[in-house]
Amino acid sequence: MSEQPAATRRRSPEQIGQPRRIPSQQRGRERFEKILTVASELIEINGSDALKMSEIVEKAELSFGALYQYFPDKTSIIRTLAERFNEQGRQCVADELAKVTDPETLHAALCTIADEYYAFFRREPVMRDIWHATHTDKLLQQVDAEDMEFHAQALFSVLRLLWPARTEAELLAIARLTMQLLAAAVRYAVSLDEGEGAQAIALFKKMQVADIGRLLA
């Protein structure tokens, strides 16, 4: 059977890459979660590029109809997993930024966020692969863009409280660039072995996160 049913090809551009529906009944939720668990296991072994709907059907012991009832394509599965991982990251950022009261505690919060993200991607090989996929797949780039904007807006809110005299445009530009650079540093660090990666994160914290205070002093 084809990996992509005719129903998927008829979906609108806005629908492609998203789950067909999220079940409300217990049996449906269990099946939904089983699909995601099996997909994660397969991604960990072979990577997201090699993920096949036929393999999910076989390993999850489902029919194609049952799988496509929830996920019309593999992009929708990867997107769902990415959004779940992103929720964990957003909570980390929110928790740390909530502690900020001055430039010094802002520096500490950004350092902690960099450390936490690096540790998170080190212990979650599936997320490392999916994070890469969100940058190489056009349909998934929206997920990454939305997540980056969430973090930028969260940091912008803090900067606005600390430096109320500065323009919102300036503060938002700094917030967006800071979060992009932090993400890039973590992405680079996790591509190295563990020791070199930790050194890269330590260097990034010395180089970058202290610069916001100097920029706005």
Protein backbone atom coordinates (compact mmCIF):
# COMPACT_ATOMS: atom_id res chain seq x y z
CA MET A 1 0.00 0.00 0.00
CA SER A 2 1.17 3.53 -0.73
CA GLU A 3 2.83 5.45 2.09
CA GLN A 4 0.57 8.44 1.41
CA PRO A 5 -3.17 7.90 0.84
CA ALA A 6 -5.24 9.91 -1.60
CA ALA A 7 -6.97 11.65 1.32
CA THR A 8 -3.65 13.12 2.37
CA ARG A 9 -2.94 14.48 -1.09
CA ARG A 10 -6.28 16.31 -1.03
CA ARG A 11 -5.54 18.16 2.19
CA SER A 12 -5.11 21.92 2.08
CA PRO A 13 -1.63 23.44 2.59
CA GLU A 14 -2.68 24.54 6.11
CA GLN A 15 -3.66 20.99 7.05
CA ILE A 16 -0.57 19.20 5.74
CA GLY A 17 1.88 18.28 8.49
CA GLN A 18 -0.72 18.30 11.27
CA PRO A 19 -2.58 15.44 12.97
CA ARG A 20 -5.92 14.66 11.41
CA ARG A 21 -7.53 14.63 14.84
CA ILE A 22 -6.65 14.24 18.51
CA PRO A 23 -8.79 11.55 20.14
CA SER A 24 -10.89 12.22 23.21
CA GLN A 25 -11.84 8.63 24.09
CA GLN A 26 -9.45 6.51 26.15
CA ARG A 27 -9.00 3.82 23.50
CA GLY A 28 -8.25 6.41 20.88
CA ARG A 29 -5.80 8.23 23.15
CA GLU A 30 -3.99 4.98 23.88
CA ARG A 31 -3.67 4.25 20.17
CA PHE A 32 -2.53 7.82 19.51
CA GLU A 33 0.17 7.54 22.17
CA LYS A 34 1.25 4.11 20.93
CA ILE A 35 1.81 5.51 17.46
CA LEU A 36 3.99 8.30 18.87
CA THR A 37 5.93 5.87 21.06
CA VAL A 38 6.64 3.52 18.17
CA ALA A 39 7.60 6.43 15.92
CA SER A 40 10.05 7.68 18.58
CA GLU A 41 11.63 4.25 18.84
CA LEU A 42 12.05 4.02 15.08
CA ILE A 43 13.48 7.54 14.86
CA GLU A 44 16.00 6.73 17.59
CA ILE A 45 17.18 3.70 15.62
CA ASN A 46 17.08 4.95 12.03
CA GLY A 47 16.46 8.70 12.12
CA SER A 48 13.40 10.67 11.06
CA ASP A 49 14.38 10.70 7.37
CA ALA A 50 14.02 6.92 7.29
CA LEU A 51 10.71 6.82 9.18
CA LYS A 52 8.06 4.95 7.21
CA MET A 53 4.35 4.71 7.89
CA SER A 54 4.46 1.02 6.94
CA GLU A 55 7.00 0.33 9.70
CA ILE A 56 4.85 2.13 12.26
CA VAL A 57 1.85 0.05 11.19
CA GLU A 58 3.84 -3.17 11.55
CA LYS A 59 5.48 -2.40 14.88
CA ALA A 60 2.39 -0.82 16.46
CA GLU A 61 0.25 -3.71 15.17
CA LEU A 62 -2.26 -1.34 13.60
CA SER A 63 -3.97 -1.14 10.25
CA PHE A 64 -3.12 1.64 7.82
CA GLY A 65 -6.66 2.91 8.32
CA ALA A 66 -6.14 3.19 12.08
CA LEU A 67 -2.86 5.05 11.60
CA TYR A 68 -4.21 7.46 8.99
CA GLN A 69 -7.23 8.13 11.19
CA TYR A 70 -4.90 10.19 13.39
CA PHE A 71 -1.83 10.96 11.30
CA PRO A 72 -2.14 11.48 7.54
CA ASP A 73 1.63 11.48 6.93
CA LYS A 74 4.92 11.09 8.76
CA THR A 75 5.40 14.87 8.90
CA SER A 76 2.34 15.12 11.14
CA ILE A 77 3.89 12.57 13.51
CA ILE A 78 7.24 14.36 13.62
CA ARG A 79 5.48 17.68 14.13
CA THR A 80 3.48 16.32 17.06
CA LEU A 81 6.63 14.98 18.70
CA ALA A 82 8.45 18.28 18.09
CA GLU A 83 5.66 20.30 19.64
CA ARG A 84 5.65 18.08 22.72
CA PHE A 85 9.38 18.51 23.19
CA ASN A 86 9.01 22.24 22.60
CA GLU A 87 6.50 22.46 25.44
CA GLN A 88 9.15 21.16 27.82
CA GLY A 89 11.61 23.74 26.56
CA ARG A 90 9.09 26.55 26.90
CA GLN A 91 8.44 25.62 30.50
CA CYS A 92 12.17 25.73 31.22
CA VAL A 93 12.49 29.20 29.66
CA ALA A 94 9.41 30.50 31.46
CA ASP A 95 10.62 29.18 34.83
CA GLU A 96 14.06 30.76 34.49
CA LEU A 97 12.90 34.11 33.15
CA ALA A 98 10.37 34.35 35.99
CA LYS A 99 13.34 34.62 38.38
CA VAL A 100 14.82 37.68 36.66
CA THR A 101 14.84 40.92 38.64
CA ASP A 102 17.91 42.74 37.26
CA PRO A 103 20.63 42.37 34.60
CA GLU A 104 22.64 40.03 36.81
CA THR A 105 19.80 37.58 37.31
CA LEU A 106 19.02 37.85 33.59
CA HIS A 107 22.55 36.73 32.85
CA ALA A 108 22.16 33.81 35.26
CA ALA A 109 18.80 32.83 33.72
CA LEU A 110 20.17 32.76 30.17
CA CYS A 111 23.15 30.70 31.30
CA THR A 112 20.82 28.21 32.96
CA ILE A 113 18.62 28.04 29.86
CA ALA A 114 21.66 27.26 27.70
CA ASP A 115 22.77 24.56 30.15
CA GLU A 116 19.30 23.03 30.38
CA TYR A 117 18.78 22.95 26.62
CA TYR A 118 22.18 21.39 26.07
CA ALA A 119 21.50 18.72 28.71
CA PHE A 120 18.04 18.10 27.27
CA PHE A 121 19.29 17.44 23.75
CA ARG A 122 22.12 15.29 25.05
CA ARG A 123 19.73 12.94 26.82
CA GLU A 124 17.06 12.98 24.08
CA PRO A 125 18.58 11.65 20.82
CA VAL A 126 15.12 11.54 19.25
CA MET A 127 14.67 15.24 19.84
CA ARG A 128 18.09 16.00 18.36
CA ASP A 129 17.01 14.26 15.18
CA ILE A 130 13.61 15.96 15.13
CA TRP A 131 15.19 19.35 15.79
CA HIS A 132 17.32 18.79 12.71
CA ALA A 133 14.22 17.79 10.75
CA THR A 134 12.42 21.01 11.65
CA HIS A 135 15.22 22.91 9.91
CA THR A 136 15.43 20.81 6.77
CA ASP A 137 11.73 20.14 6.11
CA LYS A 138 9.76 23.16 4.85
CA LEU A 139 6.53 21.96 6.45
CA LEU A 140 8.28 21.65 9.81
CA GLN A 141 10.17 24.94 9.70
CA GLN A 142 7.00 26.66 10.91
CA VAL A 143 7.19 24.66 14.15
CA ASP A 144 10.72 25.87 14.82
CA ALA A 145 9.87 29.45 13.85
CA GLU A 146 6.88 29.52 16.19
CA ASP A 147 8.97 28.11 19.03
CA MET A 148 11.75 30.65 18.51
CA GLU A 149 9.25 33.49 18.47
CA PHE A 150 7.71 32.24 21.72
CA HIS A 151 11.11 32.37 23.41
CA ALA A 152 11.91 35.75 21.91
CA GLN A 153 8.64 37.24 23.15
CA ALA A 154 9.26 35.81 26.62
CA LEU A 155 12.70 37.42 26.76
CA PHE A 156 11.34 40.65 25.26
CA SER A 157 8.85 40.93 28.13
CA VAL A 158 11.73 40.74 30.62
CA LEU A 159 13.88 43.25 28.74
CA ARG A 160 10.98 45.70 28.61
CA LEU A 161 10.69 45.56 32.40
CA LEU A 162 14.42 45.99 32.97
CA TRP A 163 14.96 48.74 30.37
CA PRO A 164 11.61 50.57 30.01
CA ALA A 165 13.22 53.64 28.45
CA ARG A 166 14.45 51.73 25.39
CA THR A 167 12.28 51.30 22.33
CA GLU A 168 10.27 48.14 21.90
CA ALA A 169 11.74 47.61 18.43
CA GLU A 170 15.29 47.64 19.85
CA LEU A 171 14.43 45.29 22.71
CA LEU A 172 12.56 42.86 20.47
CA ALA A 173 15.47 42.75 18.01
CA ILE A 174 17.85 41.95 20.87
CA ALA A 175 15.49 39.30 22.26
CA ARG A 176 15.12 37.57 18.90
CA LEU A 177 18.83 37.61 18.14
CA THR A 178 19.73 36.38 21.63
CA MET A 179 17.45 33.38 21.37
CA GLN A 180 18.62 32.57 17.84
CA LEU A 181 22.25 32.68 18.94
CA LEU A 182 21.49 30.56 22.01
CA ALA A 183 19.78 27.93 19.86
CA ALA A 184 22.65 27.95 17.37
CA ALA A 185 25.19 27.48 20.16
CA VAL A 186 23.27 24.51 21.56
CA ARG A 187 22.87 22.99 18.10
CA TYR A 188 26.62 23.25 17.53
CA ALA A 189 27.46 21.91 20.98
CA VAL A 190 25.33 18.78 20.62
CA SER A 191 27.06 18.02 17.31
CA LEU A 192 30.33 17.58 19.23
CA ASP A 193 31.31 14.88 21.66
CA GLU A 194 30.11 15.44 25.21
CA GLY A 195 33.28 17.02 26.57
CA GLU A 196 33.77 19.40 23.67
CA GLY A 197 30.07 20.24 23.69
CA ALA A 198 30.16 21.25 27.34
CA GLN A 199 33.20 23.45 26.66
CA ALA A 200 31.39 25.10 23.74
CA ILE A 201 28.39 25.94 25.93
CA ALA A 202 30.66 27.34 28.64
CA LEU A 203 32.42 29.52 26.05
CA PHE A 204 29.11 30.72 24.61
CA LYS A 205 27.93 31.82 28.04
CA LYS A 206 31.07 33.89 28.55
CA MET A 207 30.91 35.42 25.08
CA GLN A 208 27.25 36.12 24.52
CA VAL A 209 24.81 36.33 27.39
CA ALA A 210 26.71 39.10 29.19
CA ASP A 211 26.42 41.35 26.12
CA ILE A 212 22.79 42.37 26.67
CA GLY A 213 23.68 44.45 29.70
CA ARG A 214 26.51 46.18 27.81
CA LEU A 215 24.26 46.88 24.84
CA LEU A 216 21.59 48.51 26.95
CA ALA A 217 23.74 50.13 29.64
